[in-house]
Amino acid sequence: MVNDRRAFLKTLAIGGAWAAGSRLAGAAATAPFPAAPNLFKSPLASAMVSGGTITKDGKLLPAVSAAHRLHYGARKKILLILHASVPADWDSAEQKIRPLFEADGYAVESLHRWKGREALKKIEDAEAFFVGGGETFLLLRTLYETGQLGVLRERVLAGGVFNGSSAGCNIAGTVIGATNDFPVVDVPSRAALGLFPCVFNPHHPKVGEPEYAARANKIRGYRRLNPGETVLGIGNGAVARLHAGKVTVEAGPIFIYDDAGSRELPVGEVPELTKLLASAPVASPAGLSSIR
């Protein structure tokens, strides 16, 4: 437990050194994103993210359901990771999500039913995942504390299909940077799963909505301080997917913020992100196991 801000910043600097690499030395301010070794690539990796998945009446958004069918394919068993909620709410979060997936023909079980090595074994054996929303920093810290972050990354790179919404979307990027969340708990590092070659901002407003201009300006401000990072703003019901070495928009609205400016992306491949992904080295099992 970190006791004060100064100790936390020191811990963050030490804990993030392996993930930030040359970025901590200032190189990322001018170098192309991402700053190695914070992006992990595998020809088997398949990951999907959405800004928000549920309608006001508690149902899956149609575009999200369609993306699930595409993304999960024949896989019908999904492991839920609900660490973005406080432990007291894990049962209710599972009860809320379970019928949504079961209505589409999926069997789900929540990781919180297992602890320690048994939980790690569940991740290692799972064929598909769904990481739910809530508090991003709580989610990330719990994944670090339990040793599950590296195991989850390894499983996805080996072919386990990842799906994350809101906070679950945030952790699919390289670092937690453009999140809307308060840092409600301390984390040893902001380094996340590093599956997508970008940083995410979920629940991004549509053009014309009252919150759009303020959100866009906030993200532009983030990029002025982190000019090497590409930010992907994911609206509610919007879906981005990484599969077969390509990043695609399956449903909008999705906005990209990079050195070329900011713009809304059409449905289809995002060549800017595919190119960044292609430039990353393929993750080696030895390197992954050392950062669990």
C-alpha atoms as a PDB file:
ATOM      1  CA  MET A   1       0.000   0.000   0.000  1.00  0.00           C
ATOM      2  CA  VAL A   2       1.369   3.401  -0.966  1.00  0.00           C
ATOM      3  CA  ASN A   3       1.076   5.885   1.898  1.00  0.00           C
ATOM      4  CA  ASP A   4       1.606   9.240   0.247  1.00  0.00           C
ATOM      5  CA  ARG A   5       1.822  10.882  -3.154  1.00  0.00           C
ATOM      6  CA  ARG A   6       5.622  11.125  -3.173  1.00  0.00           C
ATOM      7  CA  ALA A   7       5.989   7.413  -2.406  1.00  0.00           C
ATOM      8  CA  PHE A   8       3.371   6.598  -5.015  1.00  0.00           C
ATOM      9  CA  LEU A   9       5.168   8.575  -7.704  1.00  0.00           C
ATOM     10  CA  LYS A  10       8.416   6.832  -6.810  1.00  0.00           C
ATOM     11  CA  THR A  11       6.699   3.434  -6.972  1.00  0.00           C
ATOM     12  CA  LEU A  12       5.084   4.354 -10.273  1.00  0.00           C
ATOM     13  CA  ALA A  13       8.433   5.334 -11.769  1.00  0.00           C
ATOM     14  CA  ILE A  14      10.087   2.105 -10.667  1.00  0.00           C
ATOM     15  CA  GLY A  15       7.163  -0.173 -11.488  1.00  0.00           C
ATOM     16  CA  GLY A  16       6.650   1.406 -14.888  1.00  0.00           C
ATOM     17  CA  ALA A  17      10.274   1.333 -15.963  1.00  0.00           C
ATOM     18  CA  TRP A  18      10.046  -2.060 -17.645  1.00  0.00           C
ATOM     19  CA  ALA A  19       6.961  -1.027 -19.562  1.00  0.00           C
ATOM     20  CA  ALA A  20       7.845   2.502 -20.533  1.00  0.00           C
ATOM     21  CA  GLY A  21      11.407   1.861 -21.670  1.00  0.00           C
ATOM     22  CA  SER A  22      12.795   4.797 -23.590  1.00  0.00           C
ATOM     23  CA  ARG A  23       9.675   6.817 -22.866  1.00  0.00           C
ATOM     24  CA  LEU A  24      10.856   7.473 -19.316  1.00  0.00           C
ATOM     25  CA  ALA A  25      14.047   8.889 -20.752  1.00  0.00           C
ATOM     26  CA  GLY A  26      12.049  11.320 -22.869  1.00  0.00           C
ATOM     27  CA  ALA A  27      12.516   9.524 -26.175  1.00  0.00           C
ATOM     28  CA  ALA A  28       8.810   8.992 -26.769  1.00  0.00           C
ATOM     29  CA  ALA A  29       8.216  12.724 -27.087  1.00  0.00           C
ATOM     30  CA  THR A  30       9.704  12.533 -30.571  1.00  0.00           C
ATOM     31  CA  ALA A  31       9.726   8.804 -31.404  1.00  0.00           C
ATOM     32  CA  PRO A  32       6.844   7.036 -33.166  1.00  0.00           C
ATOM     33  CA  PHE A  33       4.361   5.388 -30.850  1.00  0.00           C
ATOM     34  CA  PRO A  34       4.410   2.884 -29.228  1.00  0.00           C
ATOM     35  CA  ALA A  35       7.349   2.991 -26.873  1.00  0.00           C
ATOM     36  CA  ALA A  36       8.637  -0.566 -26.555  1.00  0.00           C
ATOM     37  CA  PRO A  37       8.111  -2.870 -24.792  1.00  0.00           C
ATOM     38  CA  ASN A  38       4.588  -1.716 -24.015  1.00  0.00           C
ATOM     39  CA  LEU A  39       2.933  -3.271 -27.070  1.00  0.00           C
ATOM     40  CA  PHE A  40       2.663  -7.029 -27.495  1.00  0.00           C
ATOM     41  CA  LYS A  41       1.906  -8.638 -30.833  1.00  0.00           C
ATOM     42  CA  SER A  42       1.011 -12.165 -31.902  1.00  0.00           C
ATOM     43  CA  PRO A  43      -0.583 -13.536 -35.091  1.00  0.00           C
ATOM     44  CA  LEU A  44      -3.106 -15.310 -32.838  1.00  0.00           C
ATOM     45  CA  ALA A  45      -4.173 -12.214 -30.891  1.00  0.00           C
ATOM     46  CA  SER A  46      -7.834 -11.257 -31.221  1.00  0.00           C
ATOM     47  CA  ALA A  47      -9.267  -8.428 -29.121  1.00  0.00           C
ATOM     48  CA  MET A  48     -12.431  -6.351 -29.236  1.00  0.00           C
ATOM     49  CA  VAL A  49     -13.329  -3.225 -27.268  1.00  0.00           C
ATOM     50  CA  SER A  50     -16.412  -1.080 -26.878  1.00  0.00           C
ATOM     51  CA  GLY A  51     -17.076   2.182 -25.103  1.00  0.00           C
ATOM     52  CA  GLY A  52     -20.328   0.935 -23.571  1.00  0.00           C
ATOM     53  CA  THR A  53     -22.430  -2.133 -24.248  1.00  0.00           C
ATOM     54  CA  ILE A  54     -25.772  -1.857 -22.468  1.00  0.00           C
ATOM     55  CA  THR A  55     -28.892   0.147 -23.365  1.00  0.00           C
ATOM     56  CA  LYS A  56     -30.853   2.186 -20.816  1.00  0.00           C
ATOM     57  CA  ASP A  57     -33.308  -0.704 -20.463  1.00  0.00           C
ATOM     58  CA  GLY A  58     -30.512  -3.121 -19.620  1.00  0.00           C
ATOM     59  CA  LYS A  59     -30.010  -4.943 -22.912  1.00  0.00           C
ATOM     60  CA  LEU A  60     -26.966  -5.373 -25.106  1.00  0.00           C
ATOM     61  CA  LEU A  61     -26.786  -2.779 -27.858  1.00  0.00           C
ATOM     62  CA  PRO A  62     -27.540  -4.407 -31.236  1.00  0.00           C
ATOM     63  CA  ALA A  63     -24.187  -3.433 -32.755  1.00  0.00           C
ATOM     64  CA  VAL A  64     -22.421  -4.988 -29.770  1.00  0.00           C
ATOM     65  CA  SER A  65     -24.368  -8.245 -30.046  1.00  0.00           C
ATOM     66  CA  ALA A  66     -23.499  -8.446 -33.742  1.00  0.00           C
ATOM     67  CA  ALA A  67     -19.840  -7.815 -32.944  1.00  0.00           C
ATOM     68  CA  HIS A  68     -19.918 -10.554 -30.304  1.00  0.00           C
ATOM     69  CA  ARG A  69     -21.102 -13.062 -32.890  1.00  0.00           C
ATOM     70  CA  LEU A  70     -18.309 -12.039 -35.233  1.00  0.00           C
ATOM     71  CA  HIS A  71     -15.634 -11.884 -32.561  1.00  0.00           C
ATOM     72  CA  TYR A  72     -16.348 -14.949 -30.446  1.00  0.00           C
ATOM     73  CA  GLY A  73     -17.227 -17.132 -33.431  1.00  0.00           C
ATOM     74  CA  ALA A  74     -17.837 -20.716 -32.329  1.00  0.00           C
ATOM     75  CA  ARG A  75     -16.558 -20.037 -28.799  1.00  0.00           C
ATOM     76  CA  LYS A  76     -19.501 -20.254 -26.434  1.00  0.00           C
ATOM     77  CA  LYS A  77     -17.815 -20.253 -22.993  1.00  0.00           C
ATOM     78  CA  ILE A  78     -16.806 -16.824 -21.711  1.00  0.00           C
ATOM     79  CA  LEU A  79     -14.859 -16.007 -18.565  1.00  0.00           C
ATOM     80  CA  LEU A  80     -16.033 -12.760 -16.974  1.00  0.00           C
ATOM     81  CA  ILE A  81     -13.476 -10.493 -15.297  1.00  0.00           C
ATOM     82  CA  LEU A  82     -15.334  -8.032 -13.073  1.00  0.00           C
ATOM     83  CA  HIS A  83     -12.487  -6.547 -11.025  1.00  0.00           C
ATOM     84  CA  ALA A  84     -13.559  -3.013 -11.973  1.00  0.00           C
ATOM     85  CA  SER A  85     -16.268  -3.390  -9.321  1.00  0.00           C
ATOM     86  CA  VAL A  86     -15.599  -3.584  -5.594  1.00  0.00           C
ATOM     87  CA  PRO A  87     -15.628  -7.176  -4.308  1.00  0.00           C
ATOM     88  CA  ALA A  88     -18.956  -6.678  -2.556  1.00  0.00           C
ATOM     89  CA  ASP A  89     -20.539  -5.991  -5.959  1.00  0.00           C
ATOM     90  CA  TRP A  90     -19.020  -8.893  -7.905  1.00  0.00           C
ATOM     91  CA  ASP A  91     -22.006 -11.195  -7.421  1.00  0.00           C
ATOM     92  CA  SER A  92     -24.510  -8.554  -8.528  1.00  0.00           C
ATOM     93  CA  ALA A  93     -22.331  -7.580 -11.504  1.00  0.00           C
ATOM     94  CA  GLU A  94     -22.236 -11.215 -12.578  1.00  0.00           C
ATOM     95  CA  GLN A  95     -26.021 -11.517 -12.190  1.00  0.00           C
ATOM     96  CA  LYS A  96     -26.479  -8.415 -14.334  1.00  0.00           C
ATOM     97  CA  ILE A  97     -24.202  -9.533 -17.153  1.00  0.00           C
ATOM     98  CA  ARG A  98     -24.978 -13.250 -17.246  1.00  0.00           C
ATOM     99  CA  PRO A  99     -28.480 -13.041 -18.823  1.00  0.00           C
ATOM    100  CA  LEU A 100     -27.250 -10.606 -21.488  1.00  0.00           C
ATOM    101  CA  PHE A 101     -24.751 -13.150 -22.768  1.00  0.00           C
ATOM    102  CA  GLU A 102     -26.992 -16.147 -22.214  1.00  0.00           C
ATOM    103  CA  ALA A 103     -29.662 -14.515 -24.384  1.00  0.00           C
ATOM    104  CA  ASP A 104     -27.166 -14.658 -27.245  1.00  0.00           C
ATOM    105  CA  GLY A 105     -26.284 -18.293 -26.555  1.00  0.00           C
ATOM    106  CA  TYR A 106     -23.123 -17.895 -24.445  1.00  0.00           C
ATOM    107  CA  ALA A 107     -22.308 -19.668 -21.188  1.00  0.00           C
ATOM    108  CA  VAL A 108     -20.478 -17.423 -18.733  1.00  0.00           C
ATOM    109  CA  GLU A 109     -18.711 -17.808 -15.416  1.00  0.00           C
ATOM    110  CA  SER A 110     -17.054 -15.119 -13.335  1.00  0.00           C
ATOM    111  CA  LEU A 111     -13.377 -15.284 -12.402  1.00  0.00           C
ATOM    112  CA  HIS A 112     -14.102 -14.052  -8.881  1.00  0.00           C
ATOM    113  CA  ARG A 113     -15.356 -17.551  -8.014  1.00  0.00           C
ATOM    114  CA  TRP A 114     -11.716 -18.684  -7.943  1.00  0.00           C
ATOM    115  CA  LYS A 115      -8.706 -17.388  -6.024  1.00  0.00           C
ATOM    116  CA  GLY A 116      -4.933 -17.570  -6.283  1.00  0.00           C
ATOM    117  CA  ARG A 117      -3.478 -20.286  -8.479  1.00  0.00           C
ATOM    118  CA  GLU A 118      -6.951 -21.625  -9.302  1.00  0.00           C
ATOM    119  CA  ALA A 119      -7.902 -18.243 -10.772  1.00  0.00           C
ATOM    120  CA  LEU A 120      -4.724 -18.148 -12.855  1.00  0.00           C
ATOM    121  CA  LYS A 121      -5.514 -21.647 -14.125  1.00  0.00           C
ATOM    122  CA  LYS A 122      -9.013 -20.497 -15.153  1.00  0.00           C
ATOM    123  CA  ILE A 123      -7.437 -17.736 -17.251  1.00  0.00           C
ATOM    124  CA  GLU A 124      -4.922 -20.134 -18.780  1.00  0.00           C
ATOM    125  CA  ASP A 125      -7.711 -22.548 -19.766  1.00  0.00           C
ATOM    126  CA  ALA A 126     -10.314 -20.013 -20.936  1.00  0.00           C
ATOM    127  CA  GLU A 127     -11.218 -19.766 -24.608  1.00  0.00           C
ATOM    128  CA  ALA A 128     -12.735 -16.267 -24.410  1.00  0.00           C
ATOM    129  CA  PHE A 129     -13.010 -13.317 -22.019  1.00  0.00           C
ATOM    130  CA  PHE A 130     -15.226 -10.376 -21.236  1.00  0.00           C
ATOM    131  CA  VAL A 131     -13.793  -7.641 -18.990  1.00  0.00           C
ATOM    132  CA  GLY A 132     -16.540  -5.407 -17.660  1.00  0.00           C
ATOM    133  CA  GLY A 133     -16.694  -1.731 -16.820  1.00  0.00           C
ATOM    134  CA  GLY A 134     -16.412   0.240 -13.618  1.00  0.00           C
ATOM    135  CA  GLU A 135     -13.310   1.742 -12.010  1.00  0.00           C
ATOM    136  CA  THR A 136     -10.331   1.427 -14.363  1.00  0.00           C
ATOM    137  CA  PHE A 137      -7.631   1.924 -11.740  1.00  0.00           C
ATOM    138  CA  LEU A 138      -9.239  -0.616  -9.428  1.00  0.00           C
ATOM    139  CA  LEU A 139      -9.353  -3.102 -12.296  1.00  0.00           C
ATOM    140  CA  LEU A 140      -5.714  -2.548 -13.188  1.00  0.00           C
ATOM    141  CA  ARG A 141      -4.479  -2.723  -9.597  1.00  0.00           C
ATOM    142  CA  THR A 142      -6.370  -5.958  -8.943  1.00  0.00           C
ATOM    143  CA  LEU A 143      -4.912  -7.526 -12.073  1.00  0.00           C
ATOM    144  CA  TYR A 144      -1.430  -6.577 -10.880  1.00  0.00           C
ATOM    145  CA  GLU A 145      -1.965  -7.678  -7.274  1.00  0.00           C
ATOM    146  CA  THR A 146      -3.295 -11.096  -8.286  1.00  0.00           C
ATOM    147  CA  GLY A 147      -0.662 -11.686 -10.970  1.00  0.00           C
ATOM    148  CA  GLN A 148      -3.443 -12.000 -13.524  1.00  0.00           C
ATOM    149  CA  LEU A 149      -2.392  -9.203 -15.882  1.00  0.00           C
ATOM    150  CA  GLY A 150       0.523 -11.061 -17.446  1.00  0.00           C
ATOM    151  CA  VAL A 151      -1.337 -14.379 -17.517  1.00  0.00           C
ATOM    152  CA  LEU A 152      -4.292 -12.764 -19.279  1.00  0.00           C
ATOM    153  CA  ARG A 153      -1.975 -11.132 -21.809  1.00  0.00           C
ATOM    154  CA  GLU A 154      -0.230 -14.442 -22.483  1.00  0.00           C
ATOM    155  CA  ARG A 155      -3.533 -16.228 -22.990  1.00  0.00           C
ATOM    156  CA  VAL A 156      -4.796 -13.634 -25.477  1.00  0.00           C
ATOM    157  CA  LEU A 157      -1.539 -13.712 -27.410  1.00  0.00           C
ATOM    158  CA  ALA A 158      -1.891 -17.501 -27.539  1.00  0.00           C
ATOM    159  CA  GLY A 159      -5.400 -17.336 -29.008  1.00  0.00           C
ATOM    160  CA  GLY A 160      -7.798 -16.634 -26.135  1.00  0.00           C
ATOM    161  CA  VAL A 161     -10.306 -14.085 -27.423  1.00  0.00           C
ATOM    162  CA  PHE A 162     -10.453 -10.800 -25.465  1.00  0.00           C
ATOM    163  CA  ASN A 163     -13.440  -8.476 -25.191  1.00  0.00           C
ATOM    164  CA  GLY A 164     -13.566  -5.409 -22.955  1.00  0.00           C
ATOM    165  CA  SER A 165     -16.078  -2.640 -22.335  1.00  0.00           C
ATOM    166  CA  SER A 166     -15.440   0.757 -20.716  1.00  0.00           C
ATOM    167  CA  ALA A 167     -12.785   0.026 -18.054  1.00  0.00           C
ATOM    168  CA  GLY A 168     -12.223  -3.269 -19.846  1.00  0.00           C
ATOM    169  CA  CYS A 169     -11.619  -1.267 -23.003  1.00  0.00           C
ATOM    170  CA  ASN A 170      -9.056   0.940 -21.248  1.00  0.00           C
ATOM    171  CA  ILE A 171      -6.844  -1.959 -20.172  1.00  0.00           C
ATOM    172  CA  ALA A 172      -6.584  -3.290 -23.748  1.00  0.00           C
ATOM    173  CA  GLY A 173      -4.399  -0.309 -24.669  1.00  0.00           C
ATOM    174  CA  THR A 174      -0.747   0.272 -23.905  1.00  0.00           C
ATOM    175  CA  VAL A 175      -1.226   2.426 -20.810  1.00  0.00           C
ATOM    176  CA  ILE A 176      -4.070   3.940 -18.833  1.00  0.00           C
ATOM    177  CA  GLY A 177      -3.844   7.512 -20.016  1.00  0.00           C
ATOM    178  CA  ALA A 178      -6.940   9.105 -21.514  1.00  0.00           C
ATOM    179  CA  THR A 179      -9.447   7.415 -19.237  1.00  0.00           C
ATOM    180  CA  ASN A 180     -12.384   9.349 -17.795  1.00  0.00           C
ATOM    181  CA  ASP A 181     -11.908   7.697 -14.388  1.00  0.00           C
ATOM    182  CA  PHE A 182     -10.539   9.222 -11.229  1.00  0.00           C
ATOM    183  CA  PRO A 183      -7.460   7.373  -9.903  1.00  0.00           C
ATOM    184  CA  VAL A 184      -9.484   5.999  -6.975  1.00  0.00           C
ATOM    185  CA  VAL A 185      -6.666   3.621  -5.974  1.00  0.00           C
ATOM    186  CA  ASP A 186      -2.918   3.648  -6.496  1.00  0.00           C
ATOM    187  CA  VAL A 187      -1.383   1.378  -9.117  1.00  0.00           C
ATOM    188  CA  PRO A 188       2.214   0.114  -9.411  1.00  0.00           C
ATOM    189  CA  SER A 189       2.243   1.099 -13.086  1.00  0.00           C
ATOM    190  CA  ARG A 190      -0.128   2.552 -15.673  1.00  0.00           C
ATOM    191  CA  ALA A 191       1.069  -0.073 -18.151  1.00  0.00           C
ATOM    192  CA  ALA A 192      -1.897  -2.141 -19.323  1.00  0.00           C
ATOM    193  CA  LEU A 193      -2.281  -5.244 -21.520  1.00  0.00           C
ATOM    194  CA  GLY A 194      -0.722  -3.591 -24.565  1.00  0.00           C
ATOM    195  CA  LEU A 195      -2.858  -5.412 -27.144  1.00  0.00           C
ATOM    196  CA  PHE A 196      -3.906  -2.350 -29.171  1.00  0.00           C
ATOM    197  CA  PRO A 197      -1.286   0.203 -30.305  1.00  0.00           C
ATOM    198  CA  CYS A 198      -3.110   3.109 -28.694  1.00  0.00           C
ATOM    199  CA  VAL A 199      -4.611   4.594 -25.543  1.00  0.00           C
ATOM    200  CA  PHE A 200      -8.392   4.530 -25.154  1.00  0.00           C
ATOM    201  CA  ASN A 201     -11.057   7.014 -24.159  1.00  0.00           C
ATOM    202  CA  PRO A 202     -14.384   5.172 -23.709  1.00  0.00           C
ATOM    203  CA  HIS A 203     -17.847   6.769 -23.751  1.00  0.00           C
ATOM    204  CA  HIS A 204     -16.653   9.357 -26.244  1.00  0.00           C
ATOM    205  CA  PRO A 205     -19.521  11.712 -27.220  1.00  0.00           C
ATOM    206  CA  LYS A 206     -20.817  11.950 -30.779  1.00  0.00           C
ATOM    207  CA  VAL A 207     -20.210  15.032 -32.899  1.00  0.00           C
ATOM    208  CA  GLY A 208     -22.898  17.561 -32.043  1.00  0.00           C
ATOM    209  CA  GLU A 209     -23.515  16.302 -28.514  1.00  0.00           C
ATOM    210  CA  PRO A 210     -22.976  18.939 -25.803  1.00  0.00           C
ATOM    211  CA  GLU A 211     -19.993  17.101 -24.293  1.00  0.00           C
ATOM    212  CA  TYR A 212     -18.172  16.544 -27.590  1.00  0.00           C
ATOM    213  CA  ALA A 213     -16.082  19.738 -27.743  1.00  0.00           C
ATOM    214  CA  ALA A 214     -14.950  19.498 -24.119  1.00  0.00           C
ATOM    215  CA  ARG A 215     -13.928  15.846 -24.504  1.00  0.00           C
ATOM    216  CA  ALA A 216     -12.045  16.488 -27.747  1.00  0.00           C
ATOM    217  CA  ASN A 217     -10.170  19.419 -26.190  1.00  0.00           C
ATOM    218  CA  LYS A 218      -9.284  17.339 -23.141  1.00  0.00           C
ATOM    219  CA  ILE A 219      -7.823  14.569 -25.306  1.00  0.00           C
ATOM    220  CA  ARG A 220      -5.888  17.087 -27.413  1.00  0.00           C
ATOM    221  CA  GLY A 221      -4.457  18.445 -24.180  1.00  0.00           C
ATOM    222  CA  TYR A 222      -3.440  14.943 -23.170  1.00  0.00           C
ATOM    223  CA  ARG A 223      -1.634  14.483 -26.478  1.00  0.00           C
ATOM    224  CA  ARG A 224       0.265  17.738 -26.039  1.00  0.00           C
ATOM    225  CA  LEU A 225       1.782  16.207 -22.915  1.00  0.00           C
ATOM    226  CA  ASN A 226       2.077  12.747 -24.492  1.00  0.00           C
ATOM    227  CA  PRO A 227       2.748  13.526 -28.166  1.00  0.00           C
ATOM    228  CA  GLY A 228       3.933  10.018 -29.012  1.00  0.00           C
ATOM    229  CA  GLU A 229       0.609   8.405 -28.096  1.00  0.00           C
ATOM    230  CA  THR A 230      -2.365   7.776 -30.352  1.00  0.00           C
ATOM    231  CA  VAL A 231      -5.751   8.019 -28.617  1.00  0.00           C
ATOM    232  CA  LEU A 232      -8.865   6.198 -29.786  1.00  0.00           C
ATOM    233  CA  GLY A 233     -12.160   7.641 -28.543  1.00  0.00           C
ATOM    234  CA  ILE A 234     -14.802   4.889 -28.435  1.00  0.00           C
ATOM    235  CA  GLY A 235     -18.474   5.888 -28.229  1.00  0.00           C
ATOM    236  CA  ASN A 236     -21.200   3.916 -26.499  1.00  0.00           C
ATOM    237  CA  GLY A 237     -22.166   1.007 -28.726  1.00  0.00           C
ATOM    238  CA  ALA A 238     -19.070   1.537 -30.859  1.00  0.00           C
ATOM    239  CA  VAL A 239     -16.723  -1.394 -31.452  1.00  0.00           C
ATOM    240  CA  ALA A 240     -13.058  -1.598 -32.471  1.00  0.00           C
ATOM    241  CA  ARG A 241     -11.448  -4.944 -33.190  1.00  0.00           C
ATOM    242  CA  LEU A 242      -7.931  -6.277 -33.535  1.00  0.00           C
ATOM    243  CA  HIS A 243      -7.786  -9.503 -35.498  1.00  0.00           C
ATOM    244  CA  ALA A 244      -5.330 -11.147 -37.913  1.00  0.00           C
ATOM    245  CA  GLY A 245      -2.897  -8.279 -37.434  1.00  0.00           C
ATOM    246  CA  LYS A 246      -5.387  -5.566 -38.424  1.00  0.00           C
ATOM    247  CA  VAL A 247      -7.345  -2.988 -36.432  1.00  0.00           C
ATOM    248  CA  THR A 248     -10.861  -2.296 -37.675  1.00  0.00           C
ATOM    249  CA  VAL A 249     -13.880  -0.211 -36.756  1.00  0.00           C
ATOM    250  CA  GLU A 250     -16.859  -2.551 -36.608  1.00  0.00           C
ATOM    251  CA  ALA A 251     -19.348   0.094 -35.443  1.00  0.00           C
ATOM    252  CA  GLY A 252     -19.040   3.809 -34.704  1.00  0.00           C
ATOM    253  CA  PRO A 253     -18.680   6.442 -33.491  1.00  0.00           C
ATOM    254  CA  ILE A 254     -14.909   6.102 -33.051  1.00  0.00           C
ATOM    255  CA  PHE A 255     -12.459   9.003 -33.167  1.00  0.00           C
ATOM    256  CA  ILE A 256      -8.695   8.954 -33.623  1.00  0.00           C
ATOM    257  CA  TYR A 257      -6.320  11.554 -32.187  1.00  0.00           C
ATOM    258  CA  ASP A 258      -2.778  11.464 -33.550  1.00  0.00           C
ATOM    259  CA  ASP A 259      -0.133  13.647 -35.175  1.00  0.00           C
ATOM    260  CA  ALA A 260      -2.454  14.247 -38.145  1.00  0.00           C
ATOM    261  CA  GLY A 261      -5.117  15.778 -35.887  1.00  0.00           C
ATOM    262  CA  SER A 262      -8.463  14.321 -34.850  1.00  0.00           C
ATOM    263  CA  ARG A 263     -11.218  12.833 -36.972  1.00  0.00           C
ATOM    264  CA  GLU A 264     -14.056  10.356 -36.894  1.00  0.00           C
ATOM    265  CA  LEU A 265     -13.197   6.999 -38.424  1.00  0.00           C
ATOM    266  CA  PRO A 266     -15.365   5.161 -40.949  1.00  0.00           C
ATOM    267  CA  VAL A 267     -16.258   1.505 -40.570  1.00  0.00           C
ATOM    268  CA  GLY A 268     -13.429  -0.656 -41.865  1.00  0.00           C
ATOM    269  CA  GLU A 269      -9.691  -0.958 -41.336  1.00  0.00           C
ATOM    270  CA  VAL A 270      -7.778   1.717 -39.437  1.00  0.00           C
ATOM    271  CA  PRO A 271      -4.507   1.772 -41.413  1.00  0.00           C
ATOM    272  CA  GLU A 272      -2.786   4.093 -38.945  1.00  0.00           C
ATOM    273  CA  LEU A 273      -3.182   1.560 -36.119  1.00  0.00           C
ATOM    274  CA  THR A 274      -2.516  -1.475 -38.283  1.00  0.00           C
ATOM    275  CA  LYS A 275       0.766   0.126 -39.323  1.00  0.00           C
ATOM    276  CA  LEU A 276       1.744   0.789 -35.708  1.00  0.00           C
ATOM    277  CA  LEU A 277       0.898  -2.779 -34.788  1.00  0.00           C
ATOM    278  CA  ALA A 278       2.918  -4.137 -37.694  1.00  0.00           C
ATOM    279  CA  SER A 279       6.002  -2.242 -36.505  1.00  0.00           C
ATOM    280  CA  ALA A 280       5.986  -3.968 -33.110  1.00  0.00           C
ATOM    281  CA  PRO A 281       8.066  -7.108 -32.525  1.00  0.00           C
ATOM    282  CA  VAL A 282       6.253 -10.385 -32.001  1.00  0.00           C
ATOM    283  CA  ALA A 283       6.047 -11.102 -28.274  1.00  0.00           C
ATOM    284  CA  SER A 284       8.219 -13.965 -27.076  1.00  0.00           C
ATOM    285  CA  PRO A 285       6.927 -16.344 -24.378  1.00  0.00           C
ATOM    286  CA  ALA A 286      10.098 -15.826 -22.335  1.00  0.00           C
ATOM    287  CA  GLY A 287       9.667 -12.063 -22.330  1.00  0.00           C
ATOM    288  CA  LEU A 288       6.000 -12.312 -21.356  1.00  0.00           C
ATOM    289  CA  SER A 289       6.504 -14.700 -18.457  1.00  0.00           C
ATOM    290  CA  SER A 290       9.028 -12.330 -16.901  1.00  0.00           C
ATOM    291  CA  ILE A 291       6.463  -9.529 -16.449  1.00  0.00           C
ATOM    292  CA  ARG A 292       3.578 -11.331 -14.832  1.00  0.00           C
END
